[in-house]
Amino acid sequence: VPYGPRSLEEVRAFSEEITRFLLRRGAKLIVVACNTASAAALQHLRLTFPQVPFVGMEPAVKPAAETSRTHRVGVLATPATFQGALYASVVERFASGTTIFQDTLPGLVNEIEAGRLEGAETRRILEKALRPMLAEQIDTVVLGCTHYPFVIPLIQEIVGPAVQVIDPAPAIARQTRRLQEQHGWLAQNEANGFLRFVTSGPVRPFAKILPRLLGESAPVEGVRWNGSNLPD
């Protein structure tokens, strides 16, 4: 992790074992909240675990193409997302009349995970990607990585108010709720749910950055990979 620079085969193997881990913990529905993992593994996961509803991420190219006035759209995503068949299919089906400008933003995920959301290096990475796109008259930016919404304020500052920035997360949340309703899994009482995080990375830095990213704290559990397995 991050998954972006890894091969599709590696990401697929990680995703399958993480799914098995979550199912052992009692998960009923799984959101693959990562564009890279969705591109590499979503179809494989649905075939491997046909009893499990999965919600995957895909770059919001369709709404971008439908709403762009200039028909020139910038897409920010990882190399693995751009290399995946899912992204190619979405562009072919929904953006054939739109010029797409792509950038992989090397190093941005690391800056976000370190909590440097307004840092000088974060700004440098974003400006290096976005300034050439603005010169090409884009009027829409698609966030193709679930890390990137954390820097929407900085992205919007760079591109200006005339450029719309599309975050696919609200659509994913709506689809997740629809599936919960369909299966009768919505809570029937008024009690609040709870968050629990599991990380295979260092626990302390992860727990420290959570309030900055999410606005609240939550329990964080550490697990270690045992070869290709995640033990309970």
Protein backbone atom coordinates (compact mmCIF):
# COMPACT_ATOMS: atom_id res chain seq x y z
CA VAL A 1 0.00 0.00 0.00
CA PRO A 2 -0.53 2.46 -1.67
CA TYR A 3 -1.95 0.21 -4.37
CA GLY A 4 -1.53 2.66 -7.25
CA PRO A 5 2.02 1.66 -8.30
CA ARG A 6 1.47 -2.09 -7.73
CA SER A 7 0.67 -4.62 -10.44
CA LEU A 8 -2.94 -5.60 -11.09
CA GLU A 9 -2.12 -9.16 -9.98
CA GLU A 10 -0.82 -7.94 -6.61
CA VAL A 11 -3.85 -5.75 -6.03
CA ARG A 12 -6.19 -8.61 -6.95
CA ALA A 13 -4.49 -10.93 -4.46
CA PHE A 14 -4.60 -8.32 -1.69
CA SER A 15 -8.27 -7.60 -2.40
CA GLU A 16 -9.29 -11.26 -2.28
CA GLU A 17 -7.59 -11.88 1.06
CA ILE A 18 -8.98 -8.66 2.56
CA THR A 19 -12.44 -9.78 1.48
CA ARG A 20 -11.98 -13.13 3.19
CA PHE A 21 -10.83 -11.31 6.33
CA LEU A 22 -13.89 -9.04 6.33
CA LEU A 23 -16.27 -11.94 5.77
CA ARG A 24 -14.76 -13.76 8.74
CA ARG A 25 -15.48 -10.60 10.74
CA GLY A 26 -19.15 -10.78 9.74
CA ALA A 27 -19.36 -8.36 6.81
CA LYS A 28 -22.49 -8.73 4.68
CA LEU A 29 -21.81 -6.05 2.07
CA ILE A 30 -18.40 -4.84 0.95
CA VAL A 31 -17.56 -1.48 -0.60
CA VAL A 32 -14.33 -1.63 -2.58
CA ALA A 33 -13.55 1.96 -1.68
CA CYS A 34 -10.52 2.21 -3.93
CA ASN A 35 -10.51 2.91 -7.66
CA THR A 36 -7.33 0.90 -8.16
CA ALA A 37 -8.71 -2.16 -6.37
CA SER A 38 -12.01 -1.84 -8.23
CA ALA A 39 -10.21 -1.70 -11.57
CA ALA A 40 -7.99 -4.65 -10.73
CA ALA A 41 -10.23 -6.89 -8.68
CA LEU A 42 -13.95 -6.04 -8.65
CA GLN A 43 -14.97 -8.52 -11.35
CA HIS A 44 -12.74 -11.19 -9.79
CA LEU A 45 -14.27 -10.61 -6.35
CA ARG A 46 -17.82 -10.88 -7.68
CA LEU A 47 -16.98 -14.18 -9.36
CA THR A 48 -15.11 -15.54 -6.33
CA PHE A 49 -17.75 -14.48 -3.77
CA PRO A 50 -21.07 -14.58 -5.67
CA GLN A 51 -23.09 -14.46 -2.44
CA VAL A 52 -21.64 -11.07 -1.43
CA PRO A 53 -22.93 -7.73 -2.76
CA PHE A 54 -19.97 -5.56 -3.76
CA VAL A 55 -20.04 -1.85 -4.48
CA GLY A 56 -17.10 -0.71 -6.55
CA MET A 57 -15.58 2.61 -7.53
CA GLU A 58 -15.12 3.87 -11.04
CA PRO A 59 -13.95 7.30 -12.18
CA ALA A 60 -17.00 9.51 -12.70
CA VAL A 61 -16.28 9.99 -16.39
CA LYS A 62 -19.94 9.59 -17.41
CA PRO A 63 -21.32 12.55 -15.41
CA ALA A 64 -18.26 14.58 -16.35
CA ALA A 65 -18.81 13.97 -20.06
CA GLU A 66 -22.53 14.73 -19.73
CA THR A 67 -22.06 18.04 -17.93
CA SER A 68 -18.86 19.42 -19.47
CA ARG A 69 -19.50 22.46 -21.64
CA THR A 70 -16.11 22.36 -23.35
CA HIS A 71 -16.09 18.55 -23.71
CA ARG A 72 -12.61 18.63 -22.24
CA VAL A 73 -12.20 16.78 -18.95
CA GLY A 74 -9.27 16.12 -16.63
CA VAL A 75 -9.08 12.78 -14.81
CA LEU A 76 -6.82 12.30 -11.78
CA ALA A 77 -6.15 8.64 -10.92
CA THR A 78 -3.44 6.06 -10.28
CA PRO A 79 -1.54 4.20 -13.02
CA ALA A 80 -3.36 0.96 -12.17
CA THR A 81 -6.75 2.63 -12.59
CA PHE A 82 -5.80 4.00 -16.00
CA GLN A 83 -4.45 0.59 -17.06
CA GLY A 84 -7.58 -1.29 -16.01
CA ALA A 85 -10.26 -2.52 -18.39
CA LEU A 86 -12.96 -0.84 -16.27
CA TYR A 87 -11.65 2.66 -16.93
CA ALA A 88 -11.17 1.97 -20.64
CA SER A 89 -14.72 0.65 -20.86
CA VAL A 90 -16.21 3.67 -19.11
CA VAL A 91 -14.38 6.10 -21.39
CA GLU A 92 -15.37 4.16 -24.51
CA ARG A 93 -19.04 3.93 -23.53
CA PHE A 94 -19.66 7.38 -22.12
CA ALA A 95 -16.95 9.79 -23.28
CA SER A 96 -16.36 9.09 -26.95
CA GLY A 97 -17.05 12.73 -27.80
CA THR A 98 -14.97 14.13 -24.95
CA THR A 99 -11.25 14.86 -24.87
CA ILE A 100 -9.77 13.32 -21.73
CA PHE A 101 -6.57 14.59 -20.08
CA GLN A 102 -5.02 12.21 -17.54
CA ASP A 103 -2.49 12.52 -14.73
CA THR A 104 -1.31 10.04 -12.10
CA LEU A 105 -0.12 12.60 -9.51
CA PRO A 106 2.97 10.68 -8.30
CA GLY A 107 3.52 11.14 -4.59
CA LEU A 108 0.15 12.69 -3.76
CA VAL A 109 -1.25 9.67 -1.90
CA ASN A 110 1.79 9.64 0.39
CA GLU A 111 1.35 13.34 1.17
CA ILE A 112 -2.33 12.84 1.99
CA GLU A 113 -1.65 9.82 4.19
CA ALA A 114 0.91 11.90 6.06
CA GLY A 115 -1.75 14.54 6.71
CA ARG A 116 -0.09 17.23 4.62
CA LEU A 117 -3.34 18.28 2.97
CA GLU A 118 -2.27 21.89 2.39
CA GLY A 119 1.48 21.32 2.29
CA ALA A 120 3.87 22.83 -0.22
CA GLU A 121 4.62 19.47 -1.84
CA THR A 122 0.91 18.64 -2.09
CA ARG A 123 0.30 21.95 -3.86
CA ARG A 124 3.29 21.42 -6.16
CA ILE A 125 2.04 17.97 -7.23
CA LEU A 126 -1.47 19.25 -7.90
CA GLU A 127 -0.37 22.36 -9.77
CA LYS A 128 1.99 20.32 -11.95
CA ALA A 129 -0.96 18.15 -13.00
CA LEU A 130 -3.71 20.74 -13.19
CA ARG A 131 -2.02 23.77 -14.81
CA PRO A 132 -1.45 21.98 -18.15
CA MET A 133 -5.05 20.73 -18.08
CA LEU A 134 -6.35 24.24 -17.49
CA ALA A 135 -4.27 25.42 -20.44
CA GLU A 136 -6.20 22.85 -22.51
CA GLN A 137 -9.50 24.48 -21.48
CA ILE A 138 -10.85 21.72 -19.26
CA ASP A 139 -13.96 22.70 -17.30
CA THR A 140 -14.31 19.51 -15.25
CA VAL A 141 -11.95 17.49 -13.04
CA VAL A 142 -12.77 13.89 -12.08
CA LEU A 143 -11.29 12.50 -8.85
CA GLY A 144 -10.37 8.91 -9.68
CA CYS A 145 -8.83 7.97 -6.34
CA THR A 146 -10.54 7.87 -2.95
CA HIS A 147 -7.63 9.73 -1.35
CA TYR A 148 -8.12 12.81 -3.50
CA PRO A 149 -11.38 14.20 -1.98
CA PHE A 150 -9.33 15.11 1.09
CA VAL A 151 -7.63 17.80 -0.99
CA ILE A 152 -10.72 19.10 -2.81
CA PRO A 153 -10.35 22.58 -1.23
CA LEU A 154 -6.83 22.88 -2.62
CA ILE A 155 -7.84 21.47 -6.01
CA GLN A 156 -10.74 23.92 -6.23
CA GLU A 157 -8.45 26.79 -5.26
CA ILE A 158 -6.07 25.89 -8.09
CA VAL A 159 -8.67 25.32 -10.83
CA GLY A 160 -10.99 28.15 -9.82
CA PRO A 161 -14.76 28.30 -9.34
CA ALA A 162 -15.57 27.88 -13.05
CA VAL A 163 -14.24 24.29 -13.05
CA GLN A 164 -16.39 21.62 -11.45
CA VAL A 165 -14.67 18.94 -9.38
CA ILE A 166 -16.51 15.61 -9.36
CA ASP A 167 -16.21 13.30 -6.37
CA PRO A 168 -17.93 9.91 -6.97
CA ALA A 169 -18.28 9.15 -3.25
CA PRO A 170 -21.89 10.41 -2.80
CA ALA A 171 -23.09 8.12 -5.60
CA ILE A 172 -21.30 5.18 -3.95
CA ALA A 173 -22.99 5.96 -0.63
CA ARG A 174 -26.40 6.05 -2.31
CA GLN A 175 -25.79 2.70 -4.02
CA THR A 176 -24.66 1.18 -0.72
CA ARG A 177 -27.86 2.32 0.96
CA ARG A 178 -29.98 0.96 -1.92
CA LEU A 179 -28.39 -2.47 -1.54
CA GLN A 180 -28.90 -2.40 2.23
CA GLU A 181 -32.58 -1.58 1.72
CA GLN A 182 -32.90 -4.27 -0.95
CA HIS A 183 -31.53 -6.93 1.39
CA GLY A 184 -33.30 -5.65 4.50
CA TRP A 185 -30.04 -4.84 6.25
CA LEU A 186 -30.78 -1.30 7.41
CA ALA A 187 -30.89 -0.94 11.18
CA GLN A 188 -34.44 -0.88 12.53
CA ASN A 189 -33.66 1.11 15.67
CA GLU A 190 -32.48 4.65 16.27
CA ALA A 191 -29.12 3.67 17.71
CA ASN A 192 -26.08 5.12 16.00
CA GLY A 193 -23.70 2.85 14.17
CA PHE A 194 -20.00 2.83 14.89
CA LEU A 195 -16.73 2.96 13.02
CA ARG A 196 -13.94 0.45 13.45
CA PHE A 197 -10.74 0.57 11.44
CA VAL A 198 -8.28 -2.21 10.73
CA THR A 199 -4.89 -1.41 9.25
CA SER A 200 -1.95 -3.53 8.19
CA GLY A 201 0.27 -0.47 8.53
CA PRO A 202 1.51 1.29 11.68
CA VAL A 203 -1.43 1.83 14.04
CA ARG A 204 -0.29 4.97 15.85
CA PRO A 205 0.23 7.22 12.78
CA PHE A 206 -3.05 5.95 11.30
CA ALA A 207 -4.99 6.69 14.49
CA LYS A 208 -3.36 10.11 14.73
CA ILE A 209 -4.34 11.16 11.21
CA LEU A 210 -7.96 9.90 11.40
CA PRO A 211 -9.44 12.97 13.11
CA ARG A 212 -7.81 15.23 10.53
CA LEU A 213 -9.21 13.23 7.62
CA LEU A 214 -12.63 12.23 9.00
CA GLY A 215 -13.33 14.78 11.70
CA GLU A 216 -13.65 12.13 14.42
CA SER A 217 -11.68 9.44 16.19
CA ALA A 218 -12.41 5.71 16.12
CA PRO A 219 -10.84 2.48 17.37
CA VAL A 220 -7.95 1.27 15.21
CA GLU A 221 -6.83 -2.36 15.18
CA GLY A 222 -3.54 -3.50 13.69
CA VAL A 223 -3.11 -6.72 11.74
CA ARG A 224 -0.04 -8.11 10.02
CA TRP A 225 0.18 -9.98 6.77
CA ASN A 226 1.39 -13.55 7.22
CA GLY A 227 2.70 -14.19 3.75
CA SER A 228 -0.41 -13.76 1.58
CA ASN A 229 -2.84 -14.20 4.50
CA LEU A 230 -4.44 -11.88 7.03
CA PRO A 231 -4.84 -13.77 10.31
CA ASP A 232 -7.84 -13.08 12.56
